[in-house]
Amino acid sequence: MLDVPEPVRVAFLLDEYRHFLSDPVGLCDRLDALNGHYGNAAIEGWKAMARAGDHQELVRALLRMHYDPAYERSAARNFSGLRAGPVFKLSNTDDRAMHAVAREIMSACL
């Protein structure tokens, strides 16, 4: 598992998914697909953030309400030993930090 502070995760996702953020109409269409899981109020709130360009708060909300809980459910169902495995800390996502944690992971696998 990677332990990454939320602000670092948000910044990484803002950079990696900037193509979604630059198209608020398309992003709102994608958010509609989650309506069956979260209801209209949550989706409309997320869409309002997208339209207002409040991308940091949108990503933060999606991590907290959608991605992290879905990941936890999937991990519990499919990887029962995940919590017993090693945890690798990543304090930022620049190339140097990413390479360093990749080396740590590879060393742990040997």
N, C-alpha and C. Protein backbone atom coordinates (compact mmCIF):
# COMPACT_ATOMS: atom_id res chain seq x y z
N MET A 1 0.84 -1.18 0.00
CA MET A 1 0.00 0.00 0.00
C MET A 1 0.88 1.24 0.00
N LEU A 2 0.40 2.27 -0.65
CA LEU A 2 1.06 3.56 -0.62
C LEU A 2 0.32 4.46 0.36
N ASP A 3 1.05 5.11 1.21
CA ASP A 3 0.50 6.10 2.13
C ASP A 3 0.90 7.46 1.58
N VAL A 4 -0.08 8.18 1.04
CA VAL A 4 0.17 9.46 0.40
C VAL A 4 -0.76 10.50 1.02
N PRO A 5 -0.23 11.60 1.53
CA PRO A 5 -1.09 12.63 2.11
C PRO A 5 -2.12 13.13 1.10
N GLU A 6 -3.30 13.44 1.61
CA GLU A 6 -4.38 13.89 0.72
C GLU A 6 -3.99 15.07 -0.17
N PRO A 7 -3.34 16.11 0.34
CA PRO A 7 -2.97 17.23 -0.55
C PRO A 7 -2.08 16.79 -1.72
N VAL A 8 -1.21 15.83 -1.48
CA VAL A 8 -0.34 15.32 -2.55
C VAL A 8 -1.18 14.55 -3.57
N ARG A 9 -2.11 13.74 -3.08
CA ARG A 9 -3.00 12.99 -3.98
C ARG A 9 -3.83 13.95 -4.83
N VAL A 10 -4.37 14.98 -4.20
CA VAL A 10 -5.20 15.94 -4.93
C VAL A 10 -4.37 16.62 -6.02
N ALA A 11 -3.18 17.09 -5.67
CA ALA A 11 -2.33 17.76 -6.66
C ALA A 11 -1.98 16.82 -7.82
N PHE A 12 -1.66 15.57 -7.49
CA PHE A 12 -1.34 14.59 -8.52
C PHE A 12 -2.53 14.38 -9.47
N LEU A 13 -3.71 14.21 -8.90
CA LEU A 13 -4.89 13.96 -9.73
C LEU A 13 -5.28 15.17 -10.55
N LEU A 14 -5.10 16.36 -10.00
CA LEU A 14 -5.37 17.58 -10.77
C LEU A 14 -4.48 17.64 -12.00
N ASP A 15 -3.24 17.22 -11.84
CA ASP A 15 -2.31 17.23 -12.97
C ASP A 15 -2.63 16.10 -13.95
N GLU A 16 -2.84 14.90 -13.44
CA GLU A 16 -3.07 13.73 -14.29
C GLU A 16 -4.39 13.80 -15.06
N TYR A 17 -5.39 14.44 -14.48
CA TYR A 17 -6.73 14.46 -15.09
C TYR A 17 -7.14 15.87 -15.54
N ARG A 18 -6.16 16.70 -15.84
CA ARG A 18 -6.48 18.08 -16.24
C ARG A 18 -7.35 18.12 -17.50
N HIS A 19 -7.26 17.09 -18.35
CA HIS A 19 -8.09 17.06 -19.56
C HIS A 19 -9.58 16.96 -19.19
N PHE A 20 -9.91 16.30 -18.10
CA PHE A 20 -11.31 16.27 -17.65
C PHE A 20 -11.70 17.63 -17.08
N LEU A 21 -10.80 18.23 -16.33
CA LEU A 21 -11.11 19.49 -15.66
C LEU A 21 -11.25 20.64 -16.65
N SER A 22 -10.61 20.54 -17.80
CA SER A 22 -10.70 21.61 -18.80
C SER A 22 -11.99 21.53 -19.61
N ASP A 23 -12.80 20.49 -19.37
CA ASP A 23 -14.06 20.31 -20.08
C ASP A 23 -15.18 20.09 -19.06
N PRO A 24 -15.68 21.18 -18.44
CA PRO A 24 -16.68 21.02 -17.39
C PRO A 24 -17.96 20.32 -17.85
N VAL A 25 -18.37 20.54 -19.09
CA VAL A 25 -19.57 19.88 -19.60
C VAL A 25 -19.35 18.36 -19.66
N GLY A 26 -18.24 17.96 -20.23
CA GLY A 26 -17.91 16.53 -20.30
C GLY A 26 -17.74 15.93 -18.92
N LEU A 27 -17.12 16.67 -18.02
CA LEU A 27 -16.93 16.18 -16.65
C LEU A 27 -18.28 16.00 -15.96
N CYS A 28 -19.18 16.95 -16.15
CA CYS A 28 -20.52 16.82 -15.57
C CYS A 28 -21.24 15.60 -16.12
N ASP A 29 -21.08 15.34 -17.39
CA ASP A 29 -21.68 14.13 -17.99
C ASP A 29 -21.13 12.87 -17.32
N ARG A 30 -19.83 12.86 -17.08
CA ARG A 30 -19.22 11.70 -16.42
C ARG A 30 -19.72 11.55 -14.98
N LEU A 31 -19.89 12.66 -14.31
CA LEU A 31 -20.38 12.61 -12.93
C LEU A 31 -21.81 12.07 -12.87
N ASP A 32 -22.59 12.34 -13.91
CA ASP A 32 -23.96 11.80 -13.95
C ASP A 32 -23.99 10.28 -13.84
N ALA A 33 -22.94 9.63 -14.30
CA ALA A 33 -22.88 8.17 -14.25
C ALA A 33 -22.86 7.65 -12.81
N LEU A 34 -22.51 8.50 -11.87
CA LEU A 34 -22.45 8.09 -10.46
C LEU A 34 -23.76 8.33 -9.72
N ASN A 35 -24.74 8.88 -10.41
CA ASN A 35 -26.00 9.26 -9.76
C ASN A 35 -26.68 8.09 -9.04
N GLY A 36 -26.63 6.91 -9.61
CA GLY A 36 -27.26 5.75 -8.98
C GLY A 36 -26.60 5.35 -7.68
N HIS A 37 -25.37 5.78 -7.48
CA HIS A 37 -24.63 5.42 -6.27
C HIS A 37 -24.74 6.47 -5.17
N TYR A 38 -24.87 7.73 -5.54
CA TYR A 38 -24.77 8.81 -4.56
C TYR A 38 -25.98 9.73 -4.51
N GLY A 39 -26.84 9.65 -5.48
CA GLY A 39 -28.03 10.50 -5.46
C GLY A 39 -27.79 11.86 -6.08
N ASN A 40 -28.87 12.49 -6.38
CA ASN A 40 -28.86 13.74 -7.11
C ASN A 40 -28.16 14.88 -6.36
N ALA A 41 -28.37 14.96 -5.05
CA ALA A 41 -27.79 16.08 -4.29
C ALA A 41 -26.26 16.06 -4.35
N ALA A 42 -25.67 14.90 -4.13
CA ALA A 42 -24.20 14.80 -4.18
C ALA A 42 -23.69 15.10 -5.58
N ILE A 43 -24.34 14.53 -6.58
CA ILE A 43 -23.89 14.74 -7.97
C ILE A 43 -24.01 16.21 -8.34
N GLU A 44 -25.12 16.84 -7.99
CA GLU A 44 -25.28 18.26 -8.32
C GLU A 44 -24.24 19.11 -7.61
N GLY A 45 -23.88 18.74 -6.38
CA GLY A 45 -22.82 19.46 -5.68
C GLY A 45 -21.49 19.33 -6.39
N TRP A 46 -21.17 18.12 -6.82
CA TRP A 46 -19.92 17.91 -7.54
C TRP A 46 -19.92 18.65 -8.87
N LYS A 47 -21.07 18.63 -9.55
CA LYS A 47 -21.16 19.33 -10.83
C LYS A 47 -21.02 20.83 -10.65
N ALA A 48 -21.57 21.36 -9.57
CA ALA A 48 -21.43 22.79 -9.28
C ALA A 48 -19.96 23.14 -9.08
N MET A 49 -19.23 22.28 -8.38
CA MET A 49 -17.79 22.50 -8.20
C MET A 49 -17.07 22.49 -9.55
N ALA A 50 -17.43 21.54 -10.41
CA ALA A 50 -16.80 21.44 -11.73
C ALA A 50 -17.07 22.70 -12.55
N ARG A 51 -18.33 23.14 -12.55
CA ARG A 51 -18.68 24.33 -13.34
C ARG A 51 -18.02 25.58 -12.79
N ALA A 52 -17.84 25.64 -11.46
CA ALA A 52 -17.23 26.82 -10.83
C ALA A 52 -15.71 26.79 -10.90
N GLY A 53 -15.16 25.67 -11.37
CA GLY A 53 -13.71 25.56 -11.44
C GLY A 53 -13.07 25.29 -10.08
N ASP A 54 -13.86 24.83 -9.12
CA ASP A 54 -13.35 24.50 -7.78
C ASP A 54 -12.80 23.07 -7.81
N HIS A 55 -11.76 22.90 -8.60
CA HIS A 55 -11.24 21.56 -8.89
C HIS A 55 -10.62 20.89 -7.67
N GLN A 56 -9.91 21.64 -6.85
CA GLN A 56 -9.31 21.02 -5.67
C GLN A 56 -10.38 20.42 -4.76
N GLU A 57 -11.43 21.18 -4.51
CA GLU A 57 -12.48 20.67 -3.63
C GLU A 57 -13.24 19.52 -4.29
N LEU A 58 -13.43 19.58 -5.59
CA LEU A 58 -14.09 18.49 -6.31
C LEU A 58 -13.28 17.20 -6.18
N VAL A 59 -12.00 17.27 -6.44
CA VAL A 59 -11.16 16.08 -6.35
C VAL A 59 -11.14 15.56 -4.92
N ARG A 60 -11.02 16.46 -3.95
CA ARG A 60 -11.03 16.07 -2.54
C ARG A 60 -12.34 15.34 -2.20
N ALA A 61 -13.45 15.90 -2.62
CA ALA A 61 -14.76 15.29 -2.34
C ALA A 61 -14.89 13.93 -3.01
N LEU A 62 -14.45 13.83 -4.26
CA LEU A 62 -14.54 12.55 -4.97
C LEU A 62 -13.65 11.48 -4.32
N LEU A 63 -12.47 11.89 -3.85
CA LEU A 63 -11.61 10.95 -3.14
C LEU A 63 -12.29 10.44 -1.88
N ARG A 64 -12.82 11.36 -1.10
CA ARG A 64 -13.40 11.00 0.20
C ARG A 64 -14.71 10.23 0.08
N MET A 65 -15.54 10.64 -0.86
CA MET A 65 -16.88 10.05 -0.93
C MET A 65 -17.00 8.90 -1.92
N HIS A 66 -16.18 8.90 -2.97
CA HIS A 66 -16.32 7.89 -4.01
C HIS A 66 -15.12 6.95 -4.08
N TYR A 67 -13.96 7.49 -4.45
CA TYR A 67 -12.83 6.63 -4.76
C TYR A 67 -12.35 5.83 -3.55
N ASP A 68 -12.05 6.50 -2.46
CA ASP A 68 -11.48 5.78 -1.31
C ASP A 68 -12.43 4.72 -0.76
N PRO A 69 -13.72 5.04 -0.55
CA PRO A 69 -14.62 3.98 -0.08
C PRO A 69 -14.74 2.82 -1.07
N ALA A 70 -14.78 3.11 -2.37
CA ALA A 70 -14.87 2.04 -3.37
C ALA A 70 -13.61 1.18 -3.35
N TYR A 71 -12.46 1.82 -3.22
CA TYR A 71 -11.20 1.09 -3.15
C TYR A 71 -11.16 0.21 -1.90
N GLU A 72 -11.60 0.75 -0.78
CA GLU A 72 -11.61 -0.03 0.47
C GLU A 72 -12.51 -1.26 0.34
N ARG A 73 -13.68 -1.09 -0.25
CA ARG A 73 -14.59 -2.23 -0.43
C ARG A 73 -13.95 -3.28 -1.34
N SER A 74 -13.37 -2.84 -2.42
CA SER A 74 -12.73 -3.77 -3.37
C SER A 74 -11.56 -4.49 -2.72
N ALA A 75 -10.74 -3.75 -1.99
CA ALA A 75 -9.58 -4.36 -1.33
C ALA A 75 -10.02 -5.39 -0.30
N ALA A 76 -11.04 -5.06 0.47
CA ALA A 76 -11.52 -6.00 1.49
C ALA A 76 -12.06 -7.27 0.84
N ARG A 77 -12.69 -7.12 -0.29
CA ARG A 77 -13.29 -8.25 -0.99
C ARG A 77 -12.25 -9.09 -1.74
N ASN A 78 -11.27 -8.45 -2.32
CA ASN A 78 -10.34 -9.12 -3.23
C ASN A 78 -8.92 -9.32 -2.70
N PHE A 79 -8.54 -8.58 -1.70
CA PHE A 79 -7.17 -8.63 -1.18
C PHE A 79 -7.19 -8.64 0.34
N SER A 80 -7.64 -9.73 0.91
CA SER A 80 -7.85 -9.78 2.36
C SER A 80 -6.58 -9.54 3.17
N GLY A 81 -5.41 -9.80 2.62
CA GLY A 81 -4.16 -9.60 3.33
C GLY A 81 -3.52 -8.25 3.12
N LEU A 82 -4.20 -7.37 2.43
CA LEU A 82 -3.60 -6.08 2.08
C LEU A 82 -3.12 -5.30 3.30
N ARG A 83 -3.92 -5.25 4.33
CA ARG A 83 -3.57 -4.49 5.53
C ARG A 83 -2.36 -5.09 6.27
N ALA A 84 -2.09 -6.35 6.04
CA ALA A 84 -0.95 -7.00 6.70
C ALA A 84 0.35 -6.77 5.94
N GLY A 85 0.26 -6.25 4.73
CA GLY A 85 1.44 -6.04 3.90
C GLY A 85 2.17 -4.76 4.24
N PRO A 86 3.27 -4.53 3.58
CA PRO A 86 4.06 -3.32 3.84
C PRO A 86 3.34 -2.07 3.36
N VAL A 87 3.66 -0.97 4.02
CA VAL A 87 3.13 0.34 3.65
C VAL A 87 4.32 1.21 3.25
N PHE A 88 4.21 1.83 2.10
CA PHE A 88 5.27 2.69 1.58
C PHE A 88 4.77 4.13 1.59
N LYS A 89 5.55 5.02 2.15
CA LYS A 89 5.15 6.42 2.25
C LYS A 89 5.67 7.19 1.04
N LEU A 90 4.81 8.03 0.52
CA LEU A 90 5.16 8.87 -0.63
C LEU A 90 4.73 10.29 -0.26
N SER A 91 5.71 11.16 -0.05
CA SER A 91 5.39 12.52 0.41
C SER A 91 5.16 13.51 -0.72
N ASN A 92 5.58 13.16 -1.92
CA ASN A 92 5.28 13.97 -3.10
C ASN A 92 5.40 13.08 -4.33
N THR A 93 4.99 13.60 -5.46
CA THR A 93 4.93 12.76 -6.66
C THR A 93 5.88 13.22 -7.76
N ASP A 94 6.95 13.90 -7.36
CA ASP A 94 7.93 14.24 -8.40
C ASP A 94 8.67 12.96 -8.80
N ASP A 95 9.39 13.03 -9.90
CA ASP A 95 10.07 11.84 -10.43
C ASP A 95 11.01 11.20 -9.41
N ARG A 96 11.74 12.01 -8.69
CA ARG A 96 12.69 11.48 -7.72
C ARG A 96 11.99 10.66 -6.63
N ALA A 97 10.90 11.20 -6.09
CA ALA A 97 10.15 10.50 -5.04
C ALA A 97 9.50 9.23 -5.58
N MET A 98 8.98 9.31 -6.79
CA MET A 98 8.33 8.14 -7.39
C MET A 98 9.36 7.04 -7.64
N HIS A 99 10.53 7.39 -8.13
CA HIS A 99 11.58 6.40 -8.36
C HIS A 99 12.05 5.79 -7.04
N ALA A 100 12.16 6.62 -6.01
CA ALA A 100 12.62 6.12 -4.71
C ALA A 100 11.63 5.11 -4.13
N VAL A 101 10.34 5.42 -4.20
CA VAL A 101 9.36 4.47 -3.65
C VAL A 101 9.27 3.23 -4.52
N ALA A 102 9.47 3.37 -5.80
CA ALA A 102 9.49 2.18 -6.68
C ALA A 102 10.66 1.27 -6.30
N ARG A 103 11.81 1.85 -6.00
CA ARG A 103 12.96 1.05 -5.56
C ARG A 103 12.65 0.36 -4.23
N GLU A 104 12.00 1.06 -3.30
CA GLU A 104 11.62 0.45 -2.03
C GLU A 104 10.69 -0.73 -2.24
N ILE A 105 9.72 -0.57 -3.12
CA ILE A 105 8.76 -1.65 -3.40
C ILE A 105 9.48 -2.84 -4.01
N MET A 106 10.34 -2.57 -4.97
CA MET A 106 11.09 -3.66 -5.61
C MET A 106 11.97 -4.38 -4.61
N SER A 107 12.62 -3.64 -3.73
CA SER A 107 13.47 -4.26 -2.71
C SER A 107 12.65 -5.14 -1.77
N ALA A 108 11.45 -4.70 -1.44
CA ALA A 108 10.59 -5.48 -0.54
C ALA A 108 10.10 -6.78 -1.20
N CYS A 109 10.09 -6.78 -2.52
CA CYS A 109 9.61 -7.96 -3.27
C CYS A 109 10.71 -9.00 -3.48
N LEU A 110 11.93 -8.64 -3.24
CA LEU A 110 13.05 -9.56 -3.49
C LEU A 110 13.26 -10.52 -2.35
